[in-house]
Structure formats: structure tokens, C-alpha cells
Amino acid sequence: MAERAAGGEVFDPEIAVWILSGLADPARAVHEGDENPSCWVA
């Protein structure tokens, strides 16, 4: 990703928020007690 940034590629802020929200939602659910955390490794 650093290479792409060095090449001038820029993230659309709305897409970055969408991606980060998708990562934060499961953590938030675990914190609120709605779900159990799990991790899958392939």
C-alpha cells in the first residue's frame, strides 16, 4: 500500500470511512456484549 501511495494513488475518504467502519462494527458488537470474538486464519 505504501508503494501505491508513493505513486500518487489516493483513497476516496468516503470509501476509507466505509472500510474502517466495517472493521470497527464487529469490535463494537463484541464490546457491547452482542457477539463473541473469533479469528479465522487461512
PDB file of N, CA and C in Angstrom:
ATOM      1  N   MET A   1       0.821  -1.184   0.000  1.00  0.00           N
ATOM      2  CA  MET A   1       0.000   0.000   0.000  1.00  0.00           C
ATOM      3  C   MET A   1       0.866   1.250   0.000  1.00  0.00           C
ATOM      4  N   ALA A   2       1.992   1.209   0.703  1.00  0.00           N
ATOM      5  CA  ALA A   2       2.881   2.371   0.729  1.00  0.00           C
ATOM      6  C   ALA A   2       3.395   2.690  -0.670  1.00  0.00           C
ATOM      7  N   GLU A   3       3.646   1.645  -1.465  1.00  0.00           N
ATOM      8  CA  GLU A   3       4.107   1.870  -2.834  1.00  0.00           C
ATOM      9  C   GLU A   3       3.037   2.571  -3.660  1.00  0.00           C
ATOM     10  N   ARG A   4       1.790   2.185  -3.467  1.00  0.00           N
ATOM     11  CA  ARG A   4       0.708   2.815  -4.211  1.00  0.00           C
ATOM     12  C   ARG A   4       0.545   4.267  -3.784  1.00  0.00           C
ATOM     13  N   ALA A   5       0.698   4.535  -2.484  1.00  0.00           N
ATOM     14  CA  ALA A   5       0.606   5.915  -2.003  1.00  0.00           C
ATOM     15  C   ALA A   5       1.775   6.735  -2.556  1.00  0.00           C
ATOM     16  N   ALA A   6       2.967   6.135  -2.587  1.00  0.00           N
ATOM     17  CA  ALA A   6       4.127   6.845  -3.120  1.00  0.00           C
ATOM     18  C   ALA A   6       3.950   7.145  -4.603  1.00  0.00           C
ATOM     19  N   GLY A   7       3.166   6.311  -5.286  1.00  0.00           N
ATOM     20  CA  GLY A   7       2.902   6.512  -6.695  1.00  0.00           C
ATOM     21  C   GLY A   7       1.813   7.539  -6.958  1.00  0.00           C
ATOM     22  N   GLY A   8       1.247   8.108  -5.875  1.00  0.00           N
ATOM     23  CA  GLY A   8       0.252   9.158  -6.029  1.00  0.00           C
ATOM     24  C   GLY A   8      -1.182   8.693  -5.934  1.00  0.00           C
ATOM     25  N   GLU A   9      -1.417   7.384  -5.700  1.00  0.00           N
ATOM     26  CA  GLU A   9      -2.792   6.902  -5.586  1.00  0.00           C
ATOM     27  C   GLU A   9      -3.400   7.412  -4.281  1.00  0.00           C
ATOM     28  N   VAL A  10      -4.630   7.852  -4.347  1.00  0.00           N
ATOM     29  CA  VAL A  10      -5.303   8.442  -3.193  1.00  0.00           C
ATOM     30  C   VAL A  10      -6.595   7.690  -2.925  1.00  0.00           C
ATOM     31  N   PHE A  11      -6.894   7.437  -1.647  1.00  0.00           N
ATOM     32  CA  PHE A  11      -8.159   6.844  -1.262  1.00  0.00           C
ATOM     33  C   PHE A  11      -9.242   7.904  -1.248  1.00  0.00           C
ATOM     34  N   ASP A  12     -10.408   7.542  -1.709  1.00  0.00           N
ATOM     35  CA  ASP A  12     -11.578   8.399  -1.554  1.00  0.00           C
ATOM     36  C   ASP A  12     -11.941   8.353  -0.070  1.00  0.00           C
ATOM     37  N   PRO A  13     -12.063   9.497   0.610  1.00  0.00           N
ATOM     38  CA  PRO A  13     -12.360   9.497   2.049  1.00  0.00           C
ATOM     39  C   PRO A  13     -13.636   8.738   2.407  1.00  0.00           C
ATOM     40  N   GLU A  14     -14.650   8.788   1.560  1.00  0.00           N
ATOM     41  CA  GLU A  14     -15.895   8.072   1.852  1.00  0.00           C
ATOM     42  C   GLU A  14     -15.673   6.561   1.824  1.00  0.00           C
ATOM     43  N   ILE A  15     -14.844   6.087   0.900  1.00  0.00           N
ATOM     44  CA  ILE A  15     -14.546   4.655   0.846  1.00  0.00           C
ATOM     45  C   ILE A  15     -13.709   4.251   2.047  1.00  0.00           C
ATOM     46  N   ALA A  16     -12.758   5.085   2.442  1.00  0.00           N
ATOM     47  CA  ALA A  16     -11.936   4.782   3.621  1.00  0.00           C
ATOM     48  C   ALA A  16     -12.808   4.677   4.870  1.00  0.00           C
ATOM     49  N   VAL A  17     -13.770   5.574   5.028  1.00  0.00           N
ATOM     50  CA  VAL A  17     -14.688   5.519   6.179  1.00  0.00           C
ATOM     51  C   VAL A  17     -15.508   4.243   6.129  1.00  0.00           C
ATOM     52  N   TRP A  18     -15.976   3.867   4.949  1.00  0.00           N
ATOM     53  CA  TRP A  18     -16.774   2.653   4.787  1.00  0.00           C
ATOM     54  C   TRP A  18     -15.959   1.413   5.192  1.00  0.00           C
ATOM     55  N   ILE A  19     -14.700   1.357   4.743  1.00  0.00           N
ATOM     56  CA  ILE A  19     -13.835   0.218   5.067  1.00  0.00           C
ATOM     57  C   ILE A  19     -13.561   0.172   6.570  1.00  0.00           C
ATOM     58  N   LEU A  20     -13.188   1.286   7.145  1.00  0.00           N
ATOM     59  CA  LEU A  20     -12.858   1.314   8.575  1.00  0.00           C
ATOM     60  C   LEU A  20     -14.075   1.040   9.440  1.00  0.00           C
ATOM     61  N   SER A  21     -15.239   1.501   9.020  1.00  0.00           N
ATOM     62  CA  SER A  21     -16.469   1.217   9.768  1.00  0.00           C
ATOM     63  C   SER A  21     -16.752  -0.281   9.749  1.00  0.00           C
ATOM     64  N   GLY A  22     -16.509  -0.910   8.611  1.00  0.00           N
ATOM     65  CA  GLY A  22     -16.709  -2.346   8.505  1.00  0.00           C
ATOM     66  C   GLY A  22     -15.798  -3.125   9.435  1.00  0.00           C
ATOM     67  N   LEU A  23     -14.619  -2.604   9.674  1.00  0.00           N
ATOM     68  CA  LEU A  23     -13.698  -3.245  10.612  1.00  0.00           C
ATOM     69  C   LEU A  23     -14.081  -2.969  12.056  1.00  0.00           C
ATOM     70  N   ALA A  24     -14.619  -1.797  12.328  1.00  0.00           N
ATOM     71  CA  ALA A  24     -14.945  -1.404  13.696  1.00  0.00           C
ATOM     72  C   ALA A  24     -16.249  -2.016  14.186  1.00  0.00           C
ATOM     73  N   ASP A  25     -17.207  -2.265  13.300  1.00  0.00           N
ATOM     74  CA  ASP A  25     -18.514  -2.772  13.720  1.00  0.00           C
ATOM     75  C   ASP A  25     -18.438  -4.082  14.505  1.00  0.00           C
ATOM     76  N   PRO A  26     -17.684  -5.092  14.052  1.00  0.00           N
ATOM     77  CA  PRO A  26     -17.594  -6.326  14.849  1.00  0.00           C
ATOM     78  C   PRO A  26     -16.958  -6.094  16.226  1.00  0.00           C
ATOM     79  N   ALA A  27     -15.956  -5.241  16.292  1.00  0.00           N
ATOM     80  CA  ALA A  27     -15.320  -4.950  17.583  1.00  0.00           C
ATOM     81  C   ALA A  27     -16.304  -4.251  18.510  1.00  0.00           C
ATOM     82  N   ARG A  28     -17.096  -3.358  17.968  1.00  0.00           N
ATOM     83  CA  ARG A  28     -18.099  -2.651  18.755  1.00  0.00           C
ATOM     84  C   ARG A  28     -19.145  -3.630  19.286  1.00  0.00           C
ATOM     85  N   ALA A  29     -19.575  -4.582  18.461  1.00  0.00           N
ATOM     86  CA  ALA A  29     -20.569  -5.571  18.879  1.00  0.00           C
ATOM     87  C   ALA A  29     -20.030  -6.433  20.012  1.00  0.00           C
ATOM     88  N   VAL A  30     -18.750  -6.814  19.928  1.00  0.00           N
ATOM     89  CA  VAL A  30     -18.137  -7.606  20.998  1.00  0.00           C
ATOM     90  C   VAL A  30     -18.095  -6.785  22.279  1.00  0.00           C
ATOM     91  N   HIS A  31     -17.710  -5.529  22.169  1.00  0.00           N
ATOM     92  CA  HIS A  31     -17.625  -4.658  23.345  1.00  0.00           C
ATOM     93  C   HIS A  31     -18.994  -4.495  24.000  1.00  0.00           C
ATOM     94  N   GLU A  32     -20.045  -4.431  23.208  1.00  0.00           N
ATOM     95  CA  GLU A  32     -21.397  -4.264  23.746  1.00  0.00           C
ATOM     96  C   GLU A  32     -21.997  -5.580  24.216  1.00  0.00           C
ATOM     97  N   GLY A  33     -21.290  -6.689  24.030  1.00  0.00           N
ATOM     98  CA  GLY A  33     -21.737  -7.973  24.534  1.00  0.00           C
ATOM     99  C   GLY A  33     -22.684  -8.718  23.613  1.00  0.00           C
ATOM    100  N   ASP A  34     -22.836  -8.261  22.381  1.00  0.00           N
ATOM    101  CA  ASP A  34     -23.770  -8.902  21.463  1.00  0.00           C
ATOM    102  C   ASP A  34     -23.197 -10.154  20.809  1.00  0.00           C
ATOM    103  N   GLU A  35     -21.883 -10.238  20.701  1.00  0.00           N
ATOM    104  CA  GLU A  35     -21.259 -11.352  19.997  1.00  0.00           C
ATOM    105  C   GLU A  35     -19.978 -11.776  20.701  1.00  0.00           C
ATOM    106  N   ASN A  36     -19.505 -12.972  20.347  1.00  0.00           N
ATOM    107  CA  ASN A  36     -18.219 -13.451  20.836  1.00  0.00           C
ATOM    108  C   ASN A  36     -17.181 -13.225  19.753  1.00  0.00           C
ATOM    109  N   PRO A  37     -15.980 -12.803  20.134  1.00  0.00           N
ATOM    110  CA  PRO A  37     -14.945 -12.579  19.115  1.00  0.00           C
ATOM    111  C   PRO A  37     -14.440 -13.901  18.558  1.00  0.00           C
ATOM    112  N   SER A  38     -14.053 -13.900  17.307  1.00  0.00           N
ATOM    113  CA  SER A  38     -13.449 -15.072  16.699  1.00  0.00           C
ATOM    114  C   SER A  38     -12.428 -14.605  15.661  1.00  0.00           C
ATOM    115  N   CYS A  39     -11.513 -15.499  15.337  1.00  0.00           N
ATOM    116  CA  CYS A  39     -10.474 -15.163  14.373  1.00  0.00           C
ATOM    117  C   CYS A  39     -10.273 -16.359  13.471  1.00  0.00           C
ATOM    118  N   TRP A  40     -10.307 -16.128  12.166  1.00  0.00           N
ATOM    119  CA  TRP A  40     -10.070 -17.188  11.187  1.00  0.00           C
ATOM    120  C   TRP A  40      -8.774 -16.871  10.452  1.00  0.00           C
ATOM    121  N   VAL A  41      -7.952 -17.878  10.308  1.00  0.00           N
ATOM    122  CA  VAL A  41      -6.696 -17.710   9.590  1.00  0.00           C
ATOM    123  C   VAL A  41      -6.659 -18.727   8.470  1.00  0.00           C
ATOM    124  N   ALA A  42      -6.365 -18.263   7.278  1.00  0.00           N
ATOM    125  CA  ALA A  42      -6.298 -19.193   6.137  1.00  0.00           C
ATOM    126  C   ALA A  42      -4.869 -19.358   5.681  1.00  0.00           C
TER     127      ALA A  42
END
